[in-house]
Amino acid sequence: MGDGGATPWVLALGLMLVFEGLLPLVAPGAWKEMVQRIAGFRDGQIRFVGLAAIAAGIIVIVVAQ
């Protein structure tokens, strides 16, 4: 990293933070409602959403290679 370039991990983290911040910036009311609804989910439902997000991310990475 001596040339000033960021590693792919740092770039991926930055991009993730940009996407995570879009909804609260553009529609804070909808974001708060979504968080409240998610808080009412059972643990198994939240885990399934997390698993689905991981699977979708892996598929995107594999397809983009």
C-alpha atoms as a PDB file:
ATOM      1  CA  MET A   1       0.000   0.000   0.000  1.00  0.00           C
ATOM      2  CA  GLY A   2       2.957   2.300  -0.331  1.00  0.00           C
ATOM      3  CA  ASP A   3       1.563   3.697  -3.594  1.00  0.00           C
ATOM      4  CA  GLY A   4      -1.406   5.248  -1.776  1.00  0.00           C
ATOM      5  CA  GLY A   5      -3.919   2.738  -3.127  1.00  0.00           C
ATOM      6  CA  ALA A   6      -6.499   1.152  -0.872  1.00  0.00           C
ATOM      7  CA  THR A   7      -6.892  -2.593  -0.589  1.00  0.00           C
ATOM      8  CA  PRO A   8     -10.034  -4.173  -2.024  1.00  0.00           C
ATOM      9  CA  TRP A   9     -11.242  -4.852   1.547  1.00  0.00           C
ATOM     10  CA  VAL A  10     -11.091  -1.170   2.445  1.00  0.00           C
ATOM     11  CA  LEU A  11     -12.870  -0.243  -0.789  1.00  0.00           C
ATOM     12  CA  ALA A  12     -15.556  -2.864  -0.148  1.00  0.00           C
ATOM     13  CA  LEU A  13     -16.071  -1.562   3.394  1.00  0.00           C
ATOM     14  CA  GLY A  14     -16.365   2.003   2.120  1.00  0.00           C
ATOM     15  CA  LEU A  15     -18.882   1.009  -0.542  1.00  0.00           C
ATOM     16  CA  MET A  16     -20.922  -0.928   2.011  1.00  0.00           C
ATOM     17  CA  LEU A  17     -21.030   2.131   4.285  1.00  0.00           C
ATOM     18  CA  VAL A  18     -22.178   4.315   1.386  1.00  0.00           C
ATOM     19  CA  PHE A  19     -25.041   1.938   0.586  1.00  0.00           C
ATOM     20  CA  GLU A  20     -25.967   1.549   4.258  1.00  0.00           C
ATOM     21  CA  GLY A  21     -26.192   5.319   4.616  1.00  0.00           C
ATOM     22  CA  LEU A  22     -28.369   5.983   1.565  1.00  0.00           C
ATOM     23  CA  LEU A  23     -31.780   5.091   3.017  1.00  0.00           C
ATOM     24  CA  PRO A  24     -31.367   7.013   6.305  1.00  0.00           C
ATOM     25  CA  LEU A  25     -30.197  10.031   4.280  1.00  0.00           C
ATOM     26  CA  VAL A  26     -32.934   9.962   1.643  1.00  0.00           C
ATOM     27  CA  ALA A  27     -35.900   8.636   3.646  1.00  0.00           C
ATOM     28  CA  PRO A  28     -35.286   8.713   7.404  1.00  0.00           C
ATOM     29  CA  GLY A  29     -38.953   8.030   8.235  1.00  0.00           C
ATOM     30  CA  ALA A  30     -39.068   4.903   6.096  1.00  0.00           C
ATOM     31  CA  TRP A  31     -35.726   3.805   7.573  1.00  0.00           C
ATOM     32  CA  LYS A  32     -37.035   4.156  11.151  1.00  0.00           C
ATOM     33  CA  GLU A  33     -40.193   2.226  10.261  1.00  0.00           C
ATOM     34  CA  MET A  34     -38.131  -0.554   8.669  1.00  0.00           C
ATOM     35  CA  VAL A  35     -35.875  -0.815  11.744  1.00  0.00           C
ATOM     36  CA  GLN A  36     -38.915  -0.994  14.040  1.00  0.00           C
ATOM     37  CA  ARG A  37     -40.448  -3.753  11.932  1.00  0.00           C
ATOM     38  CA  ILE A  38     -37.190  -5.708  11.894  1.00  0.00           C
ATOM     39  CA  ALA A  39     -36.951  -5.358  15.686  1.00  0.00           C
ATOM     40  CA  GLY A  40     -40.237  -7.287  15.883  1.00  0.00           C
ATOM     41  CA  PHE A  41     -38.884 -10.247  13.898  1.00  0.00           C
ATOM     42  CA  ARG A  42     -38.018 -13.488  15.628  1.00  0.00           C
ATOM     43  CA  ASP A  43     -34.317 -14.377  15.846  1.00  0.00           C
ATOM     44  CA  GLY A  44     -34.715 -17.120  13.243  1.00  0.00           C
ATOM     45  CA  GLN A  45     -36.217 -14.672  10.759  1.00  0.00           C
ATOM     46  CA  ILE A  46     -33.352 -12.225  11.260  1.00  0.00           C
ATOM     47  CA  ARG A  47     -30.815 -15.029  10.830  1.00  0.00           C
ATOM     48  CA  PHE A  48     -32.515 -16.096   7.593  1.00  0.00           C
ATOM     49  CA  VAL A  49     -32.324 -12.541   6.226  1.00  0.00           C
ATOM     50  CA  GLY A  50     -28.631 -12.435   7.162  1.00  0.00           C
ATOM     51  CA  LEU A  51     -28.002 -15.779   5.473  1.00  0.00           C
ATOM     52  CA  ALA A  52     -29.844 -14.648   2.349  1.00  0.00           C
ATOM     53  CA  ALA A  53     -27.790 -11.433   2.236  1.00  0.00           C
ATOM     54  CA  ILE A  54     -24.543 -13.392   2.569  1.00  0.00           C
ATOM     55  CA  ALA A  55     -25.608 -15.815  -0.177  1.00  0.00           C
ATOM     56  CA  ALA A  56     -26.578 -12.937  -2.485  1.00  0.00           C
ATOM     57  CA  GLY A  57     -23.248 -11.235  -1.836  1.00  0.00           C
ATOM     58  CA  ILE A  58     -21.299 -14.401  -2.611  1.00  0.00           C
ATOM     59  CA  ILE A  59     -23.272 -14.870  -5.826  1.00  0.00           C
ATOM     60  CA  VAL A  60     -22.526 -11.285  -6.886  1.00  0.00           C
ATOM     61  CA  ILE A  61     -18.823 -11.767  -6.157  1.00  0.00           C
ATOM     62  CA  VAL A  62     -18.647 -15.067  -8.088  1.00  0.00           C
ATOM     63  CA  VAL A  63     -20.559 -13.696 -11.082  1.00  0.00           C
ATOM     64  CA  ALA A  64     -18.412 -10.533 -11.157  1.00  0.00           C
ATOM     65  CA  GLN A  65     -15.163 -12.522 -11.290  1.00  0.00           C
END
